[in-house]
Full PDB file with SEQRES, HELIX, SHEET, SSBOND, CRYST1, ORIGX, SCALE, CONECT and MASTER records, all heavy atoms in Angstrom:
SEQRES   1 A   40  LEU ALA SER GLN PHE GLY VAL GLY CYS THR ASN ASN LEU          
SEQRES   2 A   40  SER LEU LEU ARG THR ASP ALA ASP ILE TYR ILE PHE ALA          
SEQRES   3 A   40  ILE SER ASP ASP ALA LEU PHE ASP ILE ALA LEU ASP LEU          
SEQRES   4 A   40  LYS                                                          
HELIX    1 AA1 ALA A    2  GLN A    4  5                                   3    
HELIX    2 AA2 LEU A   13  LEU A   15  5                                   3    
HELIX    3 AA3 ASP A   29  ASP A   38  1                                  10    
CRYST1    1.000    1.000    1.000  90.00  90.00  90.00 P 1           1          
ORIGX1      1.000000  0.000000  0.000000        0.00000                         
ORIGX2      0.000000  1.000000  0.000000        0.00000                         
ORIGX3      0.000000  0.000000  1.000000        0.00000                         
SCALE1      1.000000  0.000000  0.000000        0.00000                         
SCALE2      0.000000  1.000000  0.000000        0.00000                         
SCALE3      0.000000  0.000000  1.000000        0.00000                         
ATOM      1  N   LEU A   1     205.860 269.526  86.311  1.00  0.00           N  
ATOM      2  CA  LEU A   1     206.197 268.550  85.273  1.00  0.00           C  
ATOM      3  C   LEU A   1     206.862 267.310  85.877  1.00  0.00           C  
ATOM      4  O   LEU A   1     206.511 266.183  85.529  1.00  0.00           O  
ATOM      5  CB  LEU A   1     207.089 269.171  84.198  1.00  0.00           C  
ATOM      6  CG  LEU A   1     207.464 268.260  83.027  1.00  0.00           C  
ATOM      7  CD1 LEU A   1     206.222 267.690  82.330  1.00  0.00           C  
ATOM      8  CD2 LEU A   1     208.335 269.017  82.021  1.00  0.00           C  
ATOM      9  N   ALA A   2     207.787 267.495  86.789  1.00  0.00           N  
ATOM     10  CA  ALA A   2     208.498 266.359  87.389  1.00  0.00           C  
ATOM     11  C   ALA A   2     207.531 265.421  88.118  1.00  0.00           C  
ATOM     12  O   ALA A   2     207.706 264.196  88.080  1.00  0.00           O  
ATOM     13  CB  ALA A   2     209.572 266.863  88.350  1.00  0.00           C  
ATOM     14  N   SER A   3     206.525 265.981  88.767  1.00  0.00           N  
ATOM     15  CA  SER A   3     205.577 265.147  89.514  1.00  0.00           C  
ATOM     16  C   SER A   3     204.776 264.234  88.597  1.00  0.00           C  
ATOM     17  O   SER A   3     204.312 263.179  89.023  1.00  0.00           O  
ATOM     18  CB  SER A   3     204.653 266.014  90.361  1.00  0.00           C  
ATOM     19  OG  SER A   3     203.796 266.784  89.530  1.00  0.00           O  
ATOM     20  N   GLN A   4     204.643 264.591  87.330  1.00  0.00           N  
ATOM     21  CA  GLN A   4     203.927 263.752  86.371  1.00  0.00           C  
ATOM     22  C   GLN A   4     204.713 262.477  86.055  1.00  0.00           C  
ATOM     23  O   GLN A   4     204.150 261.521  85.535  1.00  0.00           O  
ATOM     24  CB  GLN A   4     203.636 264.552  85.095  1.00  0.00           C  
ATOM     25  CG  GLN A   4     202.699 265.713  85.333  1.00  0.00           C  
ATOM     26  CD  GLN A   4     202.587 266.622  84.126  1.00  0.00           C  
ATOM     27  OE1 GLN A   4     202.771 266.205  82.986  1.00  0.00           O  
ATOM     28  NE2 GLN A   4     202.292 267.889  84.367  1.00  0.00           N  
ATOM     29  N   PHE A   5     205.999 262.477  86.377  1.00  0.00           N  
ATOM     30  CA  PHE A   5     206.861 261.319  86.122  1.00  0.00           C  
ATOM     31  C   PHE A   5     207.425 260.733  87.408  1.00  0.00           C  
ATOM     32  O   PHE A   5     208.181 259.770  87.366  1.00  0.00           O  
ATOM     33  CB  PHE A   5     207.998 261.703  85.171  1.00  0.00           C  
ATOM     34  CG  PHE A   5     207.512 262.197  83.843  1.00  0.00           C  
ATOM     35  CD1 PHE A   5     207.404 263.556  83.588  1.00  0.00           C  
ATOM     36  CD2 PHE A   5     207.111 261.304  82.863  1.00  0.00           C  
ATOM     37  CE1 PHE A   5     206.926 264.010  82.367  1.00  0.00           C  
ATOM     38  CE2 PHE A   5     206.631 261.752  81.652  1.00  0.00           C  
ATOM     39  CZ  PHE A   5     206.534 263.106  81.402  1.00  0.00           C  
ATOM     40  N   GLY A   6     207.099 261.339  88.529  1.00  0.00           N  
ATOM     41  CA  GLY A   6     207.592 260.854  89.812  1.00  0.00           C  
ATOM     42  C   GLY A   6     209.100 260.989  89.948  1.00  0.00           C  
ATOM     43  O   GLY A   6     209.758 260.115  90.517  1.00  0.00           O  
ATOM     44  N   VAL A   7     209.649 262.095  89.424  1.00  0.00           N  
ATOM     45  CA  VAL A   7     211.098 262.296  89.467  1.00  0.00           C  
ATOM     46  C   VAL A   7     211.414 263.607  90.171  1.00  0.00           C  
ATOM     47  O   VAL A   7     210.548 264.433  90.428  1.00  0.00           O  
ATOM     48  CB  VAL A   7     211.717 262.285  88.051  1.00  0.00           C  
ATOM     49  CG1 VAL A   7     211.462 260.955  87.364  1.00  0.00           C  
ATOM     50  CG2 VAL A   7     211.210 263.446  87.207  1.00  0.00           C  
ATOM     51  N   GLY A   8     212.696 263.811  90.424  1.00  0.00           N  
ATOM     52  CA  GLY A   8     213.146 265.032  91.070  1.00  0.00           C  
ATOM     53  C   GLY A   8     213.192 266.199  90.109  1.00  0.00           C  
ATOM     54  O   GLY A   8     213.139 266.032  88.889  1.00  0.00           O  
ATOM     55  N   CYS A   9     213.291 267.371  90.696  1.00  0.00           N  
ATOM     56  CA  CYS A   9     213.368 268.590  89.892  1.00  0.00           C  
ATOM     57  C   CYS A   9     214.311 269.579  90.568  1.00  0.00           C  
ATOM     58  O   CYS A   9     214.651 269.436  91.746  1.00  0.00           O  
ATOM     59  CB  CYS A   9     211.984 269.191  89.711  1.00  0.00           C  
ATOM     60  SG  CYS A   9     211.204 269.732  91.249  1.00  0.00           S  
ATOM     61  N   THR A  10     214.714 270.571  89.803  1.00  0.00           N  
ATOM     62  CA  THR A  10     215.593 271.604  90.338  1.00  0.00           C  
ATOM     63  C   THR A  10     215.426 272.883  89.525  1.00  0.00           C  
ATOM     64  O   THR A  10     214.981 272.854  88.382  1.00  0.00           O  
ATOM     65  CB  THR A  10     217.073 271.163  90.319  1.00  0.00           C  
ATOM     66  OG1 THR A  10     217.863 272.160  90.968  1.00  0.00           O  
ATOM     67  CG2 THR A  10     217.578 270.931  88.906  1.00  0.00           C  
ATOM     68  N   ASN A  11     215.785 273.990  90.159  1.00  0.00           N  
ATOM     69  CA  ASN A  11     215.898 275.261  89.442  1.00  0.00           C  
ATOM     70  C   ASN A  11     217.332 275.778  89.532  1.00  0.00           C  
ATOM     71  O   ASN A  11     217.608 276.925  89.278  1.00  0.00           O  
ATOM     72  CB  ASN A  11     214.901 276.292  89.969  1.00  0.00           C  
ATOM     73  CG  ASN A  11     215.165 276.682  91.409  1.00  0.00           C  
ATOM     74  OD1 ASN A  11     215.898 276.004  92.136  1.00  0.00           O  
ATOM     75  ND2 ASN A  11     214.558 277.773  91.840  1.00  0.00           N  
ATOM     76  N   ASN A  12     218.242 274.880  89.891  1.00  0.00           N  
ATOM     77  CA  ASN A  12     219.648 275.207  90.055  1.00  0.00           C  
ATOM     78  C   ASN A  12     220.466 274.327  89.108  1.00  0.00           C  
ATOM     79  O   ASN A  12     220.520 273.110  89.280  1.00  0.00           O  
ATOM     80  CB  ASN A  12     220.041 274.949  91.519  1.00  0.00           C  
ATOM     81  CG  ASN A  12     221.466 275.335  91.808  1.00  0.00           C  
ATOM     82  OD1 ASN A  12     222.302 275.446  90.916  1.00  0.00           O  
ATOM     83  ND2 ASN A  12     221.760 275.531  93.089  1.00  0.00           N  
ATOM     84  N   LEU A  13     221.111 274.944  88.133  1.00  0.00           N  
ATOM     85  CA  LEU A  13     221.869 274.170  87.141  1.00  0.00           C  
ATOM     86  C   LEU A  13     222.994 273.359  87.765  1.00  0.00           C  
ATOM     87  O   LEU A  13     223.357 272.304  87.245  1.00  0.00           O  
ATOM     88  CB  LEU A  13     222.436 275.094  86.058  1.00  0.00           C  
ATOM     89  CG  LEU A  13     221.421 275.624  85.045  1.00  0.00           C  
ATOM     90  CD1 LEU A  13     222.080 276.629  84.122  1.00  0.00           C  
ATOM     91  CD2 LEU A  13     220.815 274.486  84.257  1.00  0.00           C  
ATOM     92  N   SER A  14     223.540 273.805  88.881  1.00  0.00           N  
ATOM     93  CA  SER A  14     224.621 273.038  89.505  1.00  0.00           C  
ATOM     94  C   SER A  14     224.107 271.733  90.119  1.00  0.00           C  
ATOM     95  O   SER A  14     224.901 270.848  90.435  1.00  0.00           O  
ATOM     96  CB  SER A  14     225.340 273.874  90.566  1.00  0.00           C  
ATOM     97  OG  SER A  14     224.469 274.140  91.657  1.00  0.00           O  
ATOM     98  N   LEU A  15     222.780 271.602  90.259  1.00  0.00           N  
ATOM     99  CA  LEU A  15     222.189 270.375  90.788  1.00  0.00           C  
ATOM    100  C   LEU A  15     221.629 269.473  89.684  1.00  0.00           C  
ATOM    101  O   LEU A  15     220.975 268.469  89.966  1.00  0.00           O  
ATOM    102  CB  LEU A  15     221.085 270.702  91.793  1.00  0.00           C  
ATOM    103  CG  LEU A  15     221.535 271.484  93.034  1.00  0.00           C  
ATOM    104  CD1 LEU A  15     220.344 271.824  93.920  1.00  0.00           C  
ATOM    105  CD2 LEU A  15     222.596 270.711  93.804  1.00  0.00           C  
ATOM    106  N   LEU A  16     221.906 269.835  88.440  1.00  0.00           N  
ATOM    107  CA  LEU A  16     221.428 269.030  87.320  1.00  0.00           C  
ATOM    108  C   LEU A  16     222.162 267.704  87.281  1.00  0.00           C  
ATOM    109  O   LEU A  16     223.384 267.647  87.427  1.00  0.00           O  
ATOM    110  CB  LEU A  16     221.670 269.791  86.006  1.00  0.00           C  
ATOM    111  CG  LEU A  16     220.839 269.373  84.816  1.00  0.00           C  
ATOM    112  CD1 LEU A  16     219.371 269.726  85.031  1.00  0.00           C  
ATOM    113  CD2 LEU A  16     221.357 270.062  83.565  1.00  0.00           C  
ATOM    114  N   ARG A  17     221.404 266.633  87.105  1.00  0.00           N  
ATOM    115  CA  ARG A  17     222.013 265.302  87.001  1.00  0.00           C  
ATOM    116  C   ARG A  17     222.922 265.263  85.772  1.00  0.00           C  
ATOM    117  O   ARG A  17     222.580 265.788  84.721  1.00  0.00           O  
ATOM    118  CB  ARG A  17     220.939 264.237  86.866  1.00  0.00           C  
ATOM    119  CG  ARG A  17     220.103 264.053  88.116  1.00  0.00           C  
ATOM    120  CD  ARG A  17     219.057 263.017  87.896  1.00  0.00           C  
ATOM    121  NE  ARG A  17     219.717 261.729  87.656  1.00  0.00           N  
ATOM    122  CZ  ARG A  17     219.194 260.560  87.968  1.00  0.00           C  
ATOM    123  NH1 ARG A  17     218.000 260.493  88.511  1.00  0.00           N  
ATOM    124  NH2 ARG A  17     219.841 259.442  87.728  1.00  0.00           N  
ATOM    125  N   THR A  18     224.028 264.590  85.910  1.00  0.00           N  
ATOM    126  CA  THR A  18     224.958 264.459  84.784  1.00  0.00           C  
ATOM    127  C   THR A  18     225.086 263.012  84.326  1.00  0.00           C  
ATOM    128  O   THR A  18     225.927 262.704  83.486  1.00  0.00           O  
ATOM    129  CB  THR A  18     226.353 265.007  85.162  1.00  0.00           C  
ATOM    130  OG1 THR A  18     226.836 264.292  86.301  1.00  0.00           O  
ATOM    131  CG2 THR A  18     226.307 266.495  85.438  1.00  0.00           C  
ATOM    132  N   ASP A  19     224.224 262.141  84.846  1.00  0.00           N  
ATOM    133  CA  ASP A  19     224.321 260.721  84.511  1.00  0.00           C  
ATOM    134  C   ASP A  19     223.266 260.257  83.506  1.00  0.00           C  
ATOM    135  O   ASP A  19     223.198 259.083  83.178  1.00  0.00           O  
ATOM    136  CB  ASP A  19     224.226 259.863  85.779  1.00  0.00           C  
ATOM    137  CG  ASP A  19     222.908 260.053  86.524  1.00  0.00           C  
ATOM    138  OD1 ASP A  19     222.199 261.053  86.277  1.00  0.00           O  
ATOM    139  OD2 ASP A  19     222.600 259.203  87.379  1.00  0.00           O  
ATOM    140  N   ALA A  20     222.462 261.179  82.987  1.00  0.00           N  
ATOM    141  CA  ALA A  20     221.466 260.803  81.978  1.00  0.00           C  
ATOM    142  C   ALA A  20     222.149 260.623  80.630  1.00  0.00           C  
ATOM    143  O   ALA A  20     223.280 261.066  80.415  1.00  0.00           O  
ATOM    144  CB  ALA A  20     220.371 261.863  81.881  1.00  0.00           C  
ATOM    145  N   ASP A  21     221.443 259.982  79.703  1.00  0.00           N  
ATOM    146  CA  ASP A  21     221.980 259.768  78.363  1.00  0.00           C  
ATOM    147  C   ASP A  21     221.690 260.939  77.433  1.00  0.00           C  
ATOM    148  O   ASP A  21     222.482 261.257  76.544  1.00  0.00           O  
ATOM    149  CB  ASP A  21     221.359 258.508  77.744  1.00  0.00           C  
ATOM    150  CG  ASP A  21     221.591 257.280  78.603  1.00  0.00           C  
ATOM    151  OD1 ASP A  21     222.765 256.971  78.873  1.00  0.00           O  
ATOM    152  OD2 ASP A  21     220.599 256.654  79.025  1.00  0.00           O  
ATOM    153  N   ILE A  22     220.508 261.562  77.641  1.00  0.00           N  
ATOM    154  CA  ILE A  22     220.002 262.571  76.714  1.00  0.00           C  
ATOM    155  C   ILE A  22     219.472 263.759  77.503  1.00  0.00           C  
ATOM    156  O   ILE A  22     218.813 263.585  78.535  1.00  0.00           O  
ATOM    157  CB  ILE A  22     218.884 261.969  75.829  1.00  0.00           C  
ATOM    158  CG1 ILE A  22     219.435 260.792  75.024  1.00  0.00           C  
ATOM    159  CG2 ILE A  22     218.272 263.028  74.915  1.00  0.00           C  
ATOM    160  CD1 ILE A  22     218.387 259.893  74.423  1.00  0.00           C  
ATOM    161  N   TYR A  23     219.722 264.955  76.976  1.00  0.00           N  
ATOM    162  CA  TYR A  23     219.259 266.191  77.595  1.00  0.00           C  
ATOM    163  C   TYR A  23     218.453 266.970  76.560  1.00  0.00           C  
ATOM    164  O   TYR A  23     218.969 267.305  75.493  1.00  0.00           O  
ATOM    165  CB  TYR A  23     220.442 267.026  78.095  1.00  0.00           C  
ATOM    166  CG  TYR A  23     221.153 266.342  79.240  1.00  0.00           C  
ATOM    167  CD1 TYR A  23     222.017 265.275  79.005  1.00  0.00           C  
ATOM    168  CD2 TYR A  23     220.920 266.734  80.549  1.00  0.00           C  
ATOM    169  CE1 TYR A  23     222.644 264.615  80.047  1.00  0.00           C  
ATOM    170  CE2 TYR A  23     221.549 266.078  81.609  1.00  0.00           C  
ATOM    171  CZ  TYR A  23     222.399 265.023  81.343  1.00  0.00           C  
ATOM    172  OH  TYR A  23     223.009 264.360  82.384  1.00  0.00           O  
ATOM    173  N   ILE A  24     217.179 267.212  76.893  1.00  0.00           N  
ATOM    174  CA  ILE A  24     216.291 267.969  76.010  1.00  0.00           C  
ATOM    175  C   ILE A  24     216.256 269.407  76.510  1.00  0.00           C  
ATOM    176  O   ILE A  24     215.863 269.658  77.646  1.00  0.00           O  
ATOM    177  CB  ILE A  24     214.866 267.397  76.003  1.00  0.00           C  
ATOM    178  CG1 ILE A  24     214.861 265.946  75.533  1.00  0.00           C  
ATOM    179  CG2 ILE A  24     213.947 268.275  75.149  1.00  0.00           C  
ATOM    180  CD1 ILE A  24     213.487 265.278  75.647  1.00  0.00           C  
ATOM    181  N   PHE A  25     216.628 270.355  75.657  1.00  0.00           N  
ATOM    182  CA  PHE A  25     216.584 271.770  75.983  1.00  0.00           C  
ATOM    183  C   PHE A  25     215.346 272.372  75.313  1.00  0.00           C  
ATOM    184  O   PHE A  25     215.402 272.786  74.160  1.00  0.00           O  
ATOM    185  CB  PHE A  25     217.850 272.476  75.494  1.00  0.00           C  
ATOM    186  CG  PHE A  25     219.082 272.102  76.249  1.00  0.00           C  
ATOM    187  CD1 PHE A  25     219.725 270.886  76.017  1.00  0.00           C  
ATOM    188  CD2 PHE A  25     219.602 272.953  77.203  1.00  0.00           C  
ATOM    189  CE1 PHE A  25     220.863 270.533  76.717  1.00  0.00           C  
ATOM    190  CE2 PHE A  25     220.747 272.603  77.915  1.00  0.00           C  
ATOM    191  CZ  PHE A  25     221.375 271.390  77.670  1.00  0.00           C  
ATOM    192  N   ALA A  26     214.248 272.389  76.038  1.00  0.00           N  
ATOM    193  CA  ALA A  26     212.997 272.950  75.524  1.00  0.00           C  
ATOM    194  C   ALA A  26     212.712 274.228  76.299  1.00  0.00           C  
ATOM    195  O   ALA A  26     211.832 274.285  77.161  1.00  0.00           O  
ATOM    196  CB  ALA A  26     211.861 271.944  75.669  1.00  0.00           C  
ATOM    197  N   ILE A  27     213.515 275.236  75.994  1.00  0.00           N  
ATOM    198  CA  ILE A  27     213.466 276.512  76.707  1.00  0.00           C  
ATOM    199  C   ILE A  27     213.439 277.635  75.688  1.00  0.00           C  
ATOM    200  O   ILE A  27     213.602 277.398  74.483  1.00  0.00           O  
ATOM    201  CB  ILE A  27     214.674 276.657  77.661  1.00  0.00           C  
ATOM    202  CG1 ILE A  27     215.994 276.462  76.910  1.00  0.00           C  
ATOM    203  CG2 ILE A  27     214.564 275.661  78.809  1.00  0.00           C  
ATOM    204  CD1 ILE A  27     217.242 276.597  77.764  1.00  0.00           C  
ATOM    205  N   SER A  28     213.264 278.862  76.162  1.00  0.00           N  
ATOM    206  CA  SER A  28     213.209 279.999  75.246  1.00  0.00           C  
ATOM    207  C   SER A  28     214.535 280.138  74.503  1.00  0.00           C  
ATOM    208  O   SER A  28     215.594 279.723  74.995  1.00  0.00           O  
ATOM    209  CB  SER A  28     212.893 281.287  76.007  1.00  0.00           C  
ATOM    210  OG  SER A  28     214.010 281.670  76.791  1.00  0.00           O  
ATOM    211  N   ASP A  29     214.465 280.729  73.328  1.00  0.00           N  
ATOM    212  CA  ASP A  29     215.668 280.898  72.508  1.00  0.00           C  
ATOM    213  C   ASP A  29     216.750 281.663  73.265  1.00  0.00           C  
ATOM    214  O   ASP A  29     217.916 281.290  73.220  1.00  0.00           O  
ATOM    215  CB  ASP A  29     215.321 281.621  71.209  1.00  0.00           C  
ATOM    216  CG  ASP A  29     214.449 280.778  70.288  1.00  0.00           C  
ATOM    217  OD1 ASP A  29     214.165 279.604  70.624  1.00  0.00           O  
ATOM    218  OD2 ASP A  29     214.037 281.299  69.229  1.00  0.00           O  
ATOM    219  N   ASP A  30     216.380 282.721  73.955  1.00  0.00           N  
ATOM    220  CA  ASP A  30     217.363 283.510  74.700  1.00  0.00           C  
ATOM    221  C   ASP A  30     218.022 282.688  75.798  1.00  0.00           C  
ATOM    222  O   ASP A  30     219.222 282.789  76.032  1.00  0.00           O  
ATOM    223  CB  ASP A  30     216.707 284.751  75.314  1.00  0.00           C  
ATOM    224  CG  ASP A  30     216.264 285.748  74.263  1.00  0.00           C  
ATOM    225  OD1 ASP A  30     216.825 285.718  73.139  1.00  0.00           O  
ATOM    226  OD2 ASP A  30     215.366 286.557  74.548  1.00  0.00           O  
ATOM    227  N   ALA A  31     217.229 281.872  76.481  1.00  0.00           N  
ATOM    228  CA  ALA A  31     217.763 281.057  77.580  1.00  0.00           C  
ATOM    229  C   ALA A  31     218.754 280.009  77.075  1.00  0.00           C  
ATOM    230  O   ALA A  31     219.674 279.623  77.813  1.00  0.00           O  
ATOM    231  CB  ALA A  31     216.627 280.394  78.337  1.00  0.00           C  
ATOM    232  N   LEU A  32     218.598 279.559  75.835  1.00  0.00           N  
ATOM    233  CA  LEU A  32     219.537 278.578  75.270  1.00  0.00           C  
ATOM    234  C   LEU A  32     220.968 279.106  75.307  1.00  0.00           C  
ATOM    235  O   LEU A  32     221.893 278.383  75.676  1.00  0.00           O  
ATOM    236  CB  LEU A  32     219.165 278.242  73.827  1.00  0.00           C  
ATOM    237  CG  LEU A  32     218.142 277.154  73.621  1.00  0.00           C  
ATOM    238  CD1 LEU A  32     217.707 277.101  72.162  1.00  0.00           C  
ATOM    239  CD2 LEU A  32     218.684 275.809  74.059  1.00  0.00           C  
ATOM    240  N   PHE A  33     221.139 280.352  74.925  1.00  0.00           N  
ATOM    241  CA  PHE A  33     222.477 280.938  74.887  1.00  0.00           C  
ATOM    242  C   PHE A  33     223.062 281.054  76.290  1.00  0.00           C  
ATOM    243  O   PHE A  33     224.238 280.785  76.507  1.00  0.00           O  
ATOM    244  CB  PHE A  33     222.437 282.304  74.202  1.00  0.00           C  
ATOM    245  CG  PHE A  33     222.124 282.217  72.740  1.00  0.00           C  
ATOM    246  CD1 PHE A  33     220.837 282.434  72.273  1.00  0.00           C  
ATOM    247  CD2 PHE A  33     223.113 281.885  71.816  1.00  0.00           C  
ATOM    248  CE1 PHE A  33     220.544 282.344  70.922  1.00  0.00           C  
ATOM    249  CE2 PHE A  33     222.831 281.787  70.460  1.00  0.00           C  
ATOM    250  CZ  PHE A  33     221.545 282.016  70.016  1.00  0.00           C  
ATOM    251  N   ASP A  34     222.232 281.434  77.265  1.00  0.00           N  
ATOM    252  CA  ASP A  34     222.710 281.577  78.645  1.00  0.00           C  
ATOM    253  C   ASP A  34     223.090 280.241  79.260  1.00  0.00           C  
ATOM    254  O   ASP A  34     224.145 280.099  79.875  1.00  0.00           O  
ATOM    255  CB  ASP A  34     221.638 282.254  79.515  1.00  0.00           C  
ATOM    256  CG  ASP A  34     221.369 283.686  79.079  1.00  0.00           C  
ATOM    257  OD1 ASP A  34     222.260 284.300  78.451  1.00  0.00           O  
ATOM    258  OD2 ASP A  34     220.264 284.191  79.357  1.00  0.00           O  
ATOM    259  N   ILE A  35     222.232 279.243  79.098  1.00  0.00           N  
ATOM    260  CA  ILE A  35     222.488 277.938  79.712  1.00  0.00           C  
ATOM    261  C   ILE A  35     223.695 277.258  79.085  1.00  0.00           C  
ATOM    262  O   ILE A  35     224.457 276.568  79.759  1.00  0.00           O  
ATOM    263  CB  ILE A  35     221.226 277.050  79.646  1.00  0.00           C  
ATOM    264  CG1 ILE A  35     220.228 277.554  80.687  1.00  0.00           C  
ATOM    265  CG2 ILE A  35     221.551 275.587  79.883  1.00  0.00           C  
ATOM    266  CD1 ILE A  35     218.950 276.767  80.777  1.00  0.00           C  
ATOM    267  N   ALA A  36     223.895 277.473  77.800  1.00  0.00           N  
ATOM    268  CA  ALA A  36     225.026 276.848  77.120  1.00  0.00           C  
ATOM    269  C   ALA A  36     226.359 277.288  77.724  1.00  0.00           C  
ATOM    270  O   ALA A  36     227.345 276.554  77.653  1.00  0.00           O  
ATOM    271  CB  ALA A  36     224.992 277.165  75.628  1.00  0.00           C  
ATOM    272  N   LEU A  37     226.371 278.437  78.341  1.00  0.00           N  
ATOM    273  CA  LEU A  37     227.606 278.920  78.953  1.00  0.00           C  
ATOM    274  C   LEU A  37     227.859 278.284  80.315  1.00  0.00           C  
ATOM    275  O   LEU A  37     228.979 278.288  80.816  1.00  0.00           O  
ATOM    276  CB  LEU A  37     227.541 280.445  79.107  1.00  0.00           C  
ATOM    277  CG  LEU A  37     227.397 281.234  77.804  1.00  0.00           C  
ATOM    278  CD1 LEU A  37     227.202 282.717  78.107  1.00  0.00           C  
ATOM    279  CD2 LEU A  37     228.607 281.022  76.912  1.00  0.00           C  
ATOM    280  N   ASP A  38     226.805 277.755  80.926  1.00  0.00           N  
ATOM    281  CA  ASP A  38     226.901 277.263  82.307  1.00  0.00           C  
ATOM    282  C   ASP A  38     227.044 275.749  82.445  1.00  0.00           C  
ATOM    283  O   ASP A  38     227.342 275.267  83.530  1.00  0.00           O  
ATOM    284  CB  ASP A  38     225.664 277.696  83.098  1.00  0.00           C  
ATOM    285  CG  ASP A  38     225.602 279.199  83.271  1.00  0.00           C  
ATOM    286  OD1 ASP A  38     226.663 279.838  83.291  1.00  0.00           O  
ATOM    287  OD2 ASP A  38     224.485 279.735  83.381  1.00  0.00           O  
ATOM    288  N   LEU A  39     226.799 274.995  81.390  1.00  0.00           N  
ATOM    289  CA  LEU A  39     226.787 273.535  81.501  1.00  0.00           C  
ATOM    290  C   LEU A  39     227.935 272.891  80.741  1.00  0.00           C  
ATOM    291  O   LEU A  39     228.311 273.356  79.666  1.00  0.00           O  
ATOM    292  CB  LEU A  39     225.478 272.967  80.942  1.00  0.00           C  
ATOM    293  CG  LEU A  39     224.231 273.142  81.775  1.00  0.00           C  
ATOM    294  CD1 LEU A  39     223.024 272.577  81.024  1.00  0.00           C  
ATOM    295  CD2 LEU A  39     224.372 272.463  83.114  1.00  0.00           C  
ATOM    296  N   LYS A  40     228.414 271.807  81.281  1.00  0.00           N  
ATOM    297  CA  LYS A  40     229.381 270.950  80.587  1.00  0.00           C  
ATOM    298  C   LYS A  40     228.906 269.521  80.802  1.00  0.00           C  
ATOM    299  O   LYS A  40     228.852 269.035  81.922  1.00  0.00           O  
ATOM    300  CB  LYS A  40     230.792 271.119  81.153  1.00  0.00           C  
ATOM    301  CG  LYS A  40     231.336 272.523  81.020  1.00  0.00           C  
ATOM    302  CD  LYS A  40     231.623 272.895  79.584  1.00  0.00           C  
ATOM    303  CE  LYS A  40     232.260 274.264  79.475  1.00  0.00           C  
ATOM    304  NZ  LYS A  40     231.417 275.261  78.864  1.00  0.00           N  
TER     305      LYS A  40                                                      
MASTER        0    0    0    3    0    0    0    6  304    1    0    4          
END                                                                             
């Protein structure tokens, strides 16, 4: 997906950019609960 926009990607939440304006969470319902605990 990232290559379609020429941007970086990660599978590590600690490497998630924090300088964007908007974050789209288009993941499974179960994963929403898990990720919500790991991000600020």
